[in-house]
Amino acid sequence: MAEVQNGGMVDHPVLARAISPIPANRDVFNTVLESVTQSIAGSIKGTGLTGAPLLAAVSGVVAGAAREAVEKGGDLVPGTKAIIMGVVRGAGTGNPESHQILSHAAKVIIHHTADRNGNLAAAIKGIILGAIASARTMGGDTAKAASIAAQGALEGASEAGSVTVERVVGALKEPIGGSKVVLPEPLAT
């Protein structure tokens, strides 16, 4: 079913919901958080998707939200934080694929941010802060969540090219949320 979005057609109903125009009187962070949460939860619970089809649905939602955040301009930190938190909340605490979903979402955000010449350092900061906040809310290991998100971000950067990898690694070496993110061994030096 196609839906109209900004005068154009969006063929994927989950994506259409995730990138719907943001009302001027609403807080952007909360709007993105709610939209992504609902879209991911609907994909998982409503359709029973798992494995590759689930990651494809996550890709569609996250790519649309990331593109929208970059194209609107402004600070990417709250936008990417809301996307990650929405993905984690939508996936739920008991989802056995939650780590893979978190990593995949970070990968997609970085890939689309790089494609649109967005601020990679801000995107990384939002991704890591979103992973930490989500882990804290759900009683998980914040350092592990940050590391999983960082690994996904590095995968997305490697798909985008060596300059993107350098920028992402540089941003990850800085403290985020008051702590250093644990990088995979070859990149830690």
N, C-alpha and C. Protein backbone atom coordinates (compact mmCIF):
# COMPACT_ATOMS: atom_id res chain seq x y z
N MET A 1 0.84 -1.18 0.00
CA MET A 1 0.00 0.00 0.00
C MET A 1 0.88 1.24 0.00
N ALA A 2 0.68 2.12 -0.93
CA ALA A 2 1.47 3.35 -1.03
C ALA A 2 0.81 4.44 -0.22
N GLU A 3 1.62 5.30 0.35
CA GLU A 3 1.12 6.43 1.11
C GLU A 3 1.77 7.70 0.58
N VAL A 4 1.02 8.80 0.65
CA VAL A 4 1.55 10.08 0.19
C VAL A 4 2.41 10.66 1.28
N GLN A 5 3.58 11.19 0.88
CA GLN A 5 4.49 11.82 1.83
C GLN A 5 5.15 12.99 1.14
N ASN A 6 4.96 14.20 1.64
CA ASN A 6 5.53 15.41 1.05
C ASN A 6 5.24 15.51 -0.43
N GLY A 7 4.03 15.18 -0.84
CA GLY A 7 3.64 15.30 -2.22
C GLY A 7 4.09 14.15 -3.09
N GLY A 8 4.81 13.18 -2.53
CA GLY A 8 5.28 12.04 -3.29
C GLY A 8 4.73 10.75 -2.69
N MET A 9 4.99 9.66 -3.36
CA MET A 9 4.49 8.38 -2.89
C MET A 9 5.61 7.60 -2.21
N VAL A 10 5.30 6.98 -1.09
CA VAL A 10 6.22 6.10 -0.40
C VAL A 10 5.55 4.74 -0.39
N ASP A 11 6.18 3.73 -1.02
CA ASP A 11 5.57 2.43 -1.19
C ASP A 11 5.57 1.56 0.05
N HIS A 12 6.42 1.81 0.99
CA HIS A 12 6.54 0.98 2.18
C HIS A 12 5.79 1.65 3.32
N PRO A 13 4.69 1.03 3.84
CA PRO A 13 3.89 1.70 4.87
C PRO A 13 4.66 1.98 6.16
N VAL A 14 5.59 1.12 6.54
CA VAL A 14 6.39 1.36 7.75
C VAL A 14 7.29 2.55 7.52
N LEU A 15 7.93 2.61 6.35
CA LEU A 15 8.81 3.73 6.03
C LEU A 15 8.01 5.02 5.94
N ALA A 16 6.81 4.97 5.37
CA ALA A 16 5.99 6.16 5.24
C ALA A 16 5.68 6.75 6.62
N ARG A 17 5.42 5.88 7.61
CA ARG A 17 5.16 6.35 8.96
C ARG A 17 6.41 6.95 9.59
N ALA A 18 7.57 6.36 9.32
CA ALA A 18 8.81 6.81 9.95
C ALA A 18 9.26 8.16 9.43
N ILE A 19 8.92 8.48 8.17
CA ILE A 19 9.40 9.73 7.61
C ILE A 19 8.29 10.73 7.38
N SER A 20 7.16 10.52 8.04
CA SER A 20 6.06 11.46 7.88
C SER A 20 6.49 12.83 8.37
N PRO A 21 5.90 13.87 7.80
CA PRO A 21 6.30 15.22 8.20
C PRO A 21 6.14 15.42 9.71
N ILE A 22 7.07 16.11 10.29
CA ILE A 22 7.07 16.35 11.73
C ILE A 22 6.29 17.62 12.03
N PRO A 23 5.27 17.53 12.87
CA PRO A 23 4.50 18.72 13.20
C PRO A 23 5.38 19.77 13.84
N ALA A 24 5.14 21.03 13.50
CA ALA A 24 5.98 22.13 13.97
C ALA A 24 5.91 22.30 15.48
N ASN A 25 4.79 21.96 16.09
CA ASN A 25 4.63 22.21 17.52
C ASN A 25 5.06 21.03 18.39
N ARG A 26 5.67 20.00 17.80
CA ARG A 26 6.09 18.84 18.59
C ARG A 26 7.60 18.81 18.70
N ASP A 27 8.06 18.21 19.74
CA ASP A 27 9.49 18.03 19.95
C ASP A 27 10.02 16.98 18.97
N VAL A 28 11.04 17.33 18.21
CA VAL A 28 11.59 16.44 17.18
C VAL A 28 12.08 15.12 17.78
N PHE A 29 12.80 15.19 18.88
CA PHE A 29 13.32 13.97 19.51
C PHE A 29 12.19 13.00 19.81
N ASN A 30 11.16 13.47 20.49
CA ASN A 30 10.05 12.59 20.87
C ASN A 30 9.29 12.08 19.66
N THR A 31 9.14 12.91 18.65
CA THR A 31 8.44 12.50 17.43
C THR A 31 9.19 11.37 16.74
N VAL A 32 10.51 11.54 16.59
CA VAL A 32 11.32 10.50 15.95
C VAL A 32 11.31 9.24 16.80
N LEU A 33 11.49 9.38 18.10
CA LEU A 33 11.49 8.24 19.01
C LEU A 33 10.19 7.45 18.90
N GLU A 34 9.06 8.13 18.98
CA GLU A 34 7.76 7.46 18.90
C GLU A 34 7.55 6.79 17.55
N SER A 35 7.89 7.50 16.49
CA SER A 35 7.67 6.97 15.14
C SER A 35 8.51 5.72 14.88
N VAL A 36 9.78 5.78 15.22
CA VAL A 36 10.67 4.63 15.00
C VAL A 36 10.25 3.47 15.89
N THR A 37 9.95 3.74 17.16
CA THR A 37 9.52 2.69 18.08
C THR A 37 8.30 1.95 17.52
N GLN A 38 7.29 2.70 17.11
CA GLN A 38 6.07 2.10 16.58
C GLN A 38 6.34 1.31 15.30
N SER A 39 7.16 1.85 14.44
CA SER A 39 7.45 1.18 13.17
C SER A 39 8.20 -0.14 13.38
N ILE A 40 9.19 -0.12 14.26
CA ILE A 40 9.97 -1.34 14.53
C ILE A 40 9.10 -2.36 15.25
N ALA A 41 8.36 -1.91 16.27
CA ALA A 41 7.49 -2.83 17.01
C ALA A 41 6.46 -3.45 16.07
N GLY A 42 5.92 -2.67 15.17
CA GLY A 42 4.95 -3.19 14.21
C GLY A 42 5.56 -4.22 13.29
N SER A 43 6.80 -3.99 12.90
CA SER A 43 7.48 -4.95 12.03
C SER A 43 7.76 -6.26 12.73
N ILE A 44 8.13 -6.17 14.00
CA ILE A 44 8.50 -7.37 14.74
C ILE A 44 7.26 -8.11 15.24
N LYS A 45 6.40 -7.40 15.92
CA LYS A 45 5.25 -8.05 16.56
C LYS A 45 4.11 -8.29 15.57
N GLY A 46 3.89 -7.33 14.70
CA GLY A 46 2.76 -7.44 13.79
C GLY A 46 2.95 -8.47 12.69
N THR A 47 4.20 -8.65 12.27
CA THR A 47 4.45 -9.55 11.14
C THR A 47 5.23 -10.79 11.54
N GLY A 48 5.83 -10.77 12.72
CA GLY A 48 6.62 -11.92 13.17
C GLY A 48 7.93 -12.07 12.42
N LEU A 49 8.44 -10.99 11.85
CA LEU A 49 9.69 -11.07 11.10
C LEU A 49 10.86 -11.44 12.01
N THR A 50 11.77 -12.23 11.47
CA THR A 50 13.03 -12.56 12.14
C THR A 50 14.12 -12.62 11.09
N GLY A 51 15.37 -12.67 11.53
CA GLY A 51 16.51 -12.84 10.62
C GLY A 51 16.62 -11.74 9.58
N ALA A 52 16.95 -12.14 8.36
CA ALA A 52 17.19 -11.18 7.27
C ALA A 52 15.97 -10.32 6.96
N PRO A 53 14.75 -10.88 6.92
CA PRO A 53 13.59 -10.01 6.66
C PRO A 53 13.41 -8.94 7.75
N LEU A 54 13.70 -9.28 8.99
CA LEU A 54 13.61 -8.31 10.08
C LEU A 54 14.64 -7.20 9.88
N LEU A 55 15.87 -7.57 9.56
CA LEU A 55 16.91 -6.56 9.35
C LEU A 55 16.58 -5.67 8.14
N ALA A 56 15.94 -6.24 7.13
CA ALA A 56 15.52 -5.44 5.97
C ALA A 56 14.47 -4.42 6.40
N ALA A 57 13.53 -4.83 7.24
CA ALA A 57 12.51 -3.90 7.74
C ALA A 57 13.15 -2.82 8.60
N VAL A 58 14.10 -3.21 9.46
CA VAL A 58 14.83 -2.24 10.29
C VAL A 58 15.56 -1.26 9.38
N SER A 59 16.20 -1.77 8.33
CA SER A 59 16.94 -0.91 7.39
C SER A 59 16.03 0.14 6.79
N GLY A 60 14.84 -0.27 6.37
CA GLY A 60 13.92 0.68 5.76
C GLY A 60 13.51 1.79 6.70
N VAL A 61 13.17 1.43 7.91
CA VAL A 61 12.75 2.42 8.90
C VAL A 61 13.92 3.34 9.26
N VAL A 62 15.06 2.76 9.58
CA VAL A 62 16.21 3.54 10.03
C VAL A 62 16.75 4.42 8.90
N ALA A 63 16.83 3.88 7.69
CA ALA A 63 17.34 4.66 6.56
C ALA A 63 16.47 5.88 6.32
N GLY A 64 15.16 5.68 6.36
CA GLY A 64 14.26 6.82 6.15
C GLY A 64 14.40 7.87 7.23
N ALA A 65 14.47 7.43 8.47
CA ALA A 65 14.61 8.37 9.59
C ALA A 65 15.96 9.08 9.54
N ALA A 66 17.04 8.35 9.20
CA ALA A 66 18.37 8.95 9.12
C ALA A 66 18.44 9.97 7.99
N ARG A 67 17.91 9.61 6.83
CA ARG A 67 17.90 10.55 5.70
C ARG A 67 17.15 11.82 6.07
N GLU A 68 16.01 11.66 6.70
CA GLU A 68 15.20 12.80 7.12
C GLU A 68 15.99 13.69 8.10
N ALA A 69 16.67 13.08 9.06
CA ALA A 69 17.44 13.84 10.04
C ALA A 69 18.56 14.62 9.39
N VAL A 70 19.29 14.00 8.47
CA VAL A 70 20.40 14.67 7.81
C VAL A 70 19.89 15.78 6.89
N GLU A 71 18.84 15.51 6.14
CA GLU A 71 18.33 16.49 5.19
C GLU A 71 17.71 17.70 5.87
N LYS A 72 17.16 17.53 7.06
CA LYS A 72 16.58 18.66 7.79
C LYS A 72 17.66 19.58 8.34
N GLY A 73 18.90 19.08 8.43
CA GLY A 73 19.98 19.90 8.97
C GLY A 73 19.90 19.97 10.48
N GLY A 74 20.69 20.82 11.05
CA GLY A 74 20.70 20.95 12.49
C GLY A 74 21.55 19.87 13.16
N ASP A 75 21.41 19.76 14.45
CA ASP A 75 22.21 18.84 15.25
C ASP A 75 21.71 17.41 15.08
N LEU A 76 22.58 16.52 14.63
CA LEU A 76 22.22 15.12 14.43
C LEU A 76 22.22 14.30 15.72
N VAL A 77 22.81 14.83 16.78
CA VAL A 77 22.89 14.05 18.03
C VAL A 77 21.51 13.63 18.51
N PRO A 78 20.56 14.54 18.71
CA PRO A 78 19.25 14.08 19.21
C PRO A 78 18.51 13.20 18.21
N GLY A 79 18.65 13.47 16.93
CA GLY A 79 17.97 12.66 15.92
C GLY A 79 18.46 11.23 15.89
N THR A 80 19.78 11.05 15.88
CA THR A 80 20.31 9.68 15.82
C THR A 80 20.13 8.97 17.16
N LYS A 81 20.18 9.72 18.25
CA LYS A 81 19.90 9.11 19.56
C LYS A 81 18.46 8.59 19.59
N ALA A 82 17.52 9.38 19.10
CA ALA A 82 16.12 8.97 19.08
C ALA A 82 15.91 7.77 18.18
N ILE A 83 16.61 7.72 17.05
CA ILE A 83 16.47 6.57 16.15
C ILE A 83 16.92 5.30 16.85
N ILE A 84 18.09 5.33 17.46
CA ILE A 84 18.62 4.14 18.16
C ILE A 84 17.70 3.74 19.31
N MET A 85 17.27 4.70 20.10
CA MET A 85 16.39 4.37 21.22
C MET A 85 15.06 3.80 20.71
N GLY A 86 14.56 4.33 19.62
CA GLY A 86 13.33 3.81 19.04
C GLY A 86 13.48 2.39 18.52
N VAL A 87 14.63 2.11 17.91
CA VAL A 87 14.89 0.76 17.42
C VAL A 87 14.96 -0.23 18.59
N VAL A 88 15.68 0.14 19.63
CA VAL A 88 15.83 -0.76 20.78
C VAL A 88 14.49 -0.95 21.49
N ARG A 89 13.77 0.12 21.70
CA ARG A 89 12.45 0.00 22.36
C ARG A 89 11.50 -0.82 21.51
N GLY A 90 11.50 -0.56 20.22
CA GLY A 90 10.60 -1.29 19.32
C GLY A 90 10.92 -2.77 19.26
N ALA A 91 12.21 -3.11 19.34
CA ALA A 91 12.62 -4.52 19.30
C ALA A 91 12.24 -5.23 20.60
N GLY A 92 12.22 -4.51 21.70
CA GLY A 92 11.83 -5.09 22.98
C GLY A 92 13.00 -5.72 23.71
N THR A 93 12.85 -5.85 25.02
CA THR A 93 13.93 -6.35 25.87
C THR A 93 14.18 -7.84 25.69
N GLY A 94 13.17 -8.59 25.38
CA GLY A 94 13.34 -10.04 25.29
C GLY A 94 13.70 -10.55 23.91
N ASN A 95 13.98 -9.65 22.98
CA ASN A 95 14.27 -10.08 21.61
C ASN A 95 15.67 -10.67 21.53
N PRO A 96 15.79 -11.94 21.11
CA PRO A 96 17.10 -12.57 21.02
C PRO A 96 18.01 -11.94 19.95
N GLU A 97 17.41 -11.19 19.05
CA GLU A 97 18.19 -10.54 17.99
C GLU A 97 18.51 -9.08 18.29
N SER A 98 18.29 -8.64 19.52
CA SER A 98 18.42 -7.22 19.86
C SER A 98 19.82 -6.66 19.60
N HIS A 99 20.87 -7.43 19.88
CA HIS A 99 22.23 -6.94 19.64
C HIS A 99 22.47 -6.76 18.15
N GLN A 100 22.02 -7.72 17.37
CA GLN A 100 22.19 -7.64 15.92
C GLN A 100 21.38 -6.46 15.36
N ILE A 101 20.20 -6.24 15.89
CA ILE A 101 19.36 -5.14 15.44
C ILE A 101 20.02 -3.80 15.77
N LEU A 102 20.55 -3.66 16.99
CA LEU A 102 21.23 -2.44 17.40
C LEU A 102 22.43 -2.16 16.49
N SER A 103 23.25 -3.15 16.27
CA SER A 103 24.43 -2.99 15.41
C SER A 103 24.02 -2.62 13.99
N HIS A 104 23.00 -3.28 13.48
CA HIS A 104 22.54 -3.02 12.12
C HIS A 104 21.99 -1.60 11.99
N ALA A 105 21.24 -1.15 12.98
CA ALA A 105 20.70 0.21 12.94
C ALA A 105 21.82 1.24 12.92
N ALA A 106 22.85 1.04 13.74
CA ALA A 106 23.99 1.96 13.74
C ALA A 106 24.69 1.98 12.38
N LYS A 107 24.83 0.80 11.79
CA LYS A 107 25.45 0.67 10.46
C LYS A 107 24.68 1.48 9.42
N VAL A 108 23.37 1.34 9.43
CA VAL A 108 22.52 2.02 8.45
C VAL A 108 22.58 3.54 8.65
N ILE A 109 22.54 3.99 9.90
CA ILE A 109 22.60 5.44 10.17
C ILE A 109 23.89 6.03 9.63
N ILE A 110 25.03 5.40 9.93
CA ILE A 110 26.31 5.94 9.48
C ILE A 110 26.40 5.91 7.96
N HIS A 111 25.97 4.83 7.35
CA HIS A 111 26.02 4.73 5.89
C HIS A 111 25.22 5.86 5.23
N HIS A 112 24.02 6.11 5.72
CA HIS A 112 23.18 7.15 5.12
C HIS A 112 23.63 8.55 5.50
N THR A 113 24.21 8.71 6.66
CA THR A 113 24.77 10.02 7.03
C THR A 113 25.95 10.35 6.13
N ALA A 114 26.81 9.37 5.88
CA ALA A 114 27.97 9.58 5.01
C ALA A 114 27.53 9.86 3.57
N ASP A 115 26.53 9.12 3.10
CA ASP A 115 26.02 9.32 1.74
C ASP A 115 25.51 10.74 1.52
N ARG A 116 25.03 11.37 2.56
CA ARG A 116 24.46 12.72 2.44
C ARG A 116 25.38 13.79 3.01
N ASN A 117 26.64 13.45 3.21
CA ASN A 117 27.63 14.38 3.75
C ASN A 117 27.20 15.01 5.07
N GLY A 118 26.56 14.19 5.91
CA GLY A 118 26.13 14.66 7.22
C GLY A 118 27.29 14.66 8.21
N ASN A 119 27.05 15.22 9.37
CA ASN A 119 28.06 15.32 10.41
C ASN A 119 28.23 13.95 11.09
N LEU A 120 29.27 13.23 10.71
CA LEU A 120 29.50 11.88 11.22
C LEU A 120 29.79 11.87 12.72
N ALA A 121 30.54 12.84 13.22
CA ALA A 121 30.85 12.89 14.65
C ALA A 121 29.57 13.04 15.47
N ALA A 122 28.66 13.90 15.01
CA ALA A 122 27.39 14.09 15.72
C ALA A 122 26.54 12.82 15.63
N ALA A 123 26.53 12.19 14.46
CA ALA A 123 25.76 10.96 14.30
C ALA A 123 26.27 9.87 15.23
N ILE A 124 27.60 9.72 15.31
CA ILE A 124 28.21 8.73 16.20
C ILE A 124 27.85 9.01 17.65
N LYS A 125 27.96 10.26 18.04
CA LYS A 125 27.65 10.62 19.42
C LYS A 125 26.20 10.26 19.74
N GLY A 126 25.27 10.58 18.85
CA GLY A 126 23.87 10.25 19.07
C GLY A 126 23.63 8.75 19.13
N ILE A 127 24.30 8.00 18.25
CA ILE A 127 24.17 6.54 18.24
C ILE A 127 24.62 5.95 19.58
N ILE A 128 25.79 6.36 20.03
CA ILE A 128 26.34 5.82 21.28
C ILE A 128 25.48 6.25 22.48
N LEU A 129 25.08 7.53 22.51
CA LEU A 129 24.23 8.00 23.61
C LEU A 129 22.89 7.27 23.61
N GLY A 130 22.35 6.99 22.43
CA GLY A 130 21.10 6.24 22.33
C GLY A 130 21.24 4.82 22.83
N ALA A 131 22.37 4.18 22.48
CA ALA A 131 22.63 2.81 22.95
C ALA A 131 22.78 2.78 24.47
N ILE A 132 23.51 3.75 25.01
CA ILE A 132 23.73 3.82 26.46
C ILE A 132 22.41 4.08 27.19
N ALA A 133 21.64 5.05 26.71
CA ALA A 133 20.36 5.38 27.35
C ALA A 133 19.40 4.19 27.29
N SER A 134 19.38 3.51 26.16
CA SER A 134 18.50 2.34 26.03
C SER A 134 18.90 1.22 26.98
N ALA A 135 20.20 0.97 27.06
CA ALA A 135 20.68 -0.09 27.97
C ALA A 135 20.35 0.27 29.41
N ARG A 136 20.55 1.54 29.76
CA ARG A 136 20.27 1.99 31.12
C ARG A 136 18.78 1.81 31.45
N THR A 137 17.92 2.19 30.53
CA THR A 137 16.48 2.09 30.73
C THR A 137 16.03 0.65 30.89
N MET A 138 16.67 -0.25 30.14
CA MET A 138 16.26 -1.66 30.14
C MET A 138 17.08 -2.52 31.08
N GLY A 139 17.94 -1.88 31.88
CA GLY A 139 18.73 -2.62 32.85
C GLY A 139 19.85 -3.44 32.24
N GLY A 140 20.33 -3.03 31.08
CA GLY A 140 21.41 -3.76 30.40
C GLY A 140 22.78 -3.16 30.67
N ASP A 141 23.78 -3.75 30.09
CA ASP A 141 25.17 -3.33 30.22
C ASP A 141 25.43 -2.17 29.26
N THR A 142 25.63 -0.97 29.80
CA THR A 142 25.80 0.21 28.96
C THR A 142 27.07 0.15 28.11
N ALA A 143 28.16 -0.36 28.69
CA ALA A 143 29.41 -0.46 27.94
C ALA A 143 29.28 -1.43 26.77
N LYS A 144 28.59 -2.54 27.00
CA LYS A 144 28.38 -3.52 25.93
C LYS A 144 27.51 -2.94 24.82
N ALA A 145 26.44 -2.24 25.21
CA ALA A 145 25.55 -1.62 24.22
C ALA A 145 26.31 -0.60 23.38
N ALA A 146 27.14 0.21 24.03
CA ALA A 146 27.94 1.21 23.30
C ALA A 146 28.91 0.53 22.34
N SER A 147 29.53 -0.55 22.78
CA SER A 147 30.47 -1.29 21.93
C SER A 147 29.78 -1.93 20.73
N ILE A 148 28.60 -2.48 20.95
CA ILE A 148 27.84 -3.10 19.85
C ILE A 148 27.44 -2.03 18.83
N ALA A 149 26.99 -0.88 19.31
CA ALA A 149 26.62 0.22 18.42
C ALA A 149 27.84 0.73 17.66
N ALA A 150 28.98 0.83 18.35
CA ALA A 150 30.21 1.28 17.70
C ALA A 150 30.64 0.33 16.60
N GLN A 151 30.53 -0.97 16.85
CA GLN A 151 30.90 -1.97 15.84
C GLN A 151 30.02 -1.81 14.60
N GLY A 152 28.73 -1.63 14.81
CA GLY A 152 27.83 -1.42 13.68
C GLY A 152 28.15 -0.15 12.92
N ALA A 153 28.46 0.90 13.65
CA ALA A 153 28.83 2.17 13.01
C ALA A 153 30.09 2.00 12.16
N LEU A 154 31.04 1.25 12.67
CA LEU A 154 32.27 1.01 11.91
C LEU A 154 32.00 0.19 10.64
N GLU A 155 31.06 -0.74 10.72
CA GLU A 155 30.68 -1.51 9.53
C GLU A 155 30.06 -0.60 8.48
N GLY A 156 29.19 0.30 8.93
CA GLY A 156 28.58 1.26 8.00
C GLY A 156 29.61 2.19 7.41
N ALA A 157 30.58 2.59 8.22
CA ALA A 157 31.65 3.47 7.73
C ALA A 157 32.51 2.75 6.70
N SER A 158 32.81 1.48 6.93
CA SER A 158 33.66 0.75 5.99
C SER A 158 32.97 0.59 4.64
N GLU A 159 31.64 0.50 4.63
CA GLU A 159 30.91 0.45 3.37
C GLU A 159 30.97 1.79 2.64
N ALA A 160 31.09 2.87 3.39
CA ALA A 160 31.08 4.21 2.79
C ALA A 160 32.47 4.66 2.33
N GLY A 161 33.55 4.04 2.83
CA GLY A 161 34.89 4.40 2.36
C GLY A 161 35.86 4.73 3.48
N SER A 162 37.13 4.82 3.11
CA SER A 162 38.20 4.98 4.09
C SER A 162 38.15 6.31 4.83
N VAL A 163 37.73 7.38 4.16
CA VAL A 163 37.64 8.67 4.83
C VAL A 163 36.57 8.62 5.92
N THR A 164 35.47 7.96 5.62
CA THR A 164 34.40 7.82 6.60
C THR A 164 34.88 7.00 7.79
N VAL A 165 35.63 5.93 7.53
CA VAL A 165 36.17 5.11 8.62
C VAL A 165 37.06 5.96 9.53
N GLU A 166 37.93 6.77 8.93
CA GLU A 166 38.82 7.62 9.73
C GLU A 166 38.03 8.57 10.62
N ARG A 167 36.98 9.18 10.06
CA ARG A 167 36.17 10.12 10.83
C ARG A 167 35.41 9.43 11.95
N VAL A 168 34.88 8.25 11.66
CA VAL A 168 34.12 7.51 12.67
C VAL A 168 35.05 7.04 13.79
N VAL A 169 36.20 6.49 13.43
CA VAL A 169 37.17 6.05 14.45
C VAL A 169 37.61 7.23 15.30
N GLY A 170 37.88 8.36 14.66
CA GLY A 170 38.26 9.56 15.40
C GLY A 170 37.19 9.98 16.40
N ALA A 171 35.94 9.94 15.97
CA ALA A 171 34.83 10.32 16.87
C ALA A 171 34.67 9.32 18.00
N LEU A 172 34.90 8.03 17.70
CA LEU A 172 34.74 7.00 18.74
C LEU A 172 35.87 7.01 19.76
N LYS A 173 37.00 7.60 19.41
CA LYS A 173 38.12 7.66 20.36
C LYS A 173 37.92 8.74 21.41
N GLU A 174 36.99 9.66 21.14
CA GLU A 174 36.65 10.70 22.12
C GLU A 174 35.65 10.15 23.12
N PRO A 175 35.71 10.60 24.38
CA PRO A 175 34.71 10.15 25.35
C PRO A 175 33.30 10.57 24.91
N ILE A 176 32.35 9.66 25.03
CA ILE A 176 30.96 9.93 24.69
C ILE A 176 30.11 9.52 25.89
N GLY A 177 29.31 10.43 26.36
CA GLY A 177 28.47 10.13 27.52
C GLY A 177 29.28 9.91 28.78
N GLY A 178 30.44 10.53 28.86
CA GLY A 178 31.28 10.42 30.04
C GLY A 178 32.19 9.22 30.09
N SER A 179 32.22 8.42 29.04
CA SER A 179 33.12 7.26 29.06
C SER A 179 33.67 6.99 27.66
N LYS A 180 34.74 6.24 27.63
CA LYS A 180 35.34 5.83 26.38
C LYS A 180 34.62 4.59 25.86
N VAL A 181 34.43 4.54 24.55
CA VAL A 181 33.80 3.40 23.92
C VAL A 181 34.88 2.37 23.61
N VAL A 182 34.62 1.11 23.94
CA VAL A 182 35.58 0.05 23.66
C VAL A 182 35.50 -0.29 22.18
N LEU A 183 36.62 -0.08 21.48
CA LEU A 183 36.71 -0.39 20.06
C LEU A 183 37.31 -1.76 19.86
N PRO A 184 37.00 -2.40 18.72
CA PRO A 184 37.65 -3.68 18.41
C PRO A 184 39.17 -3.49 18.41
N GLU A 185 39.91 -4.52 18.76
CA GLU A 185 41.36 -4.46 18.95
C GLU A 185 42.16 -3.75 17.84
N PRO A 186 42.01 -4.09 16.56
CA PRO A 186 42.85 -3.42 15.57
C PRO A 186 42.64 -1.91 15.51
N LEU A 187 41.48 -1.42 15.92
CA LEU A 187 41.19 0.01 15.85
C LEU A 187 41.48 0.73 17.16
N ALA A 188 41.67 0.01 18.22
CA ALA A 188 41.84 0.62 19.54
C ALA A 188 43.13 1.38 19.68
N THR A 189 44.13 1.08 18.88
CA THR A 189 45.43 1.76 19.05
C THR A 189 45.48 3.12 18.43
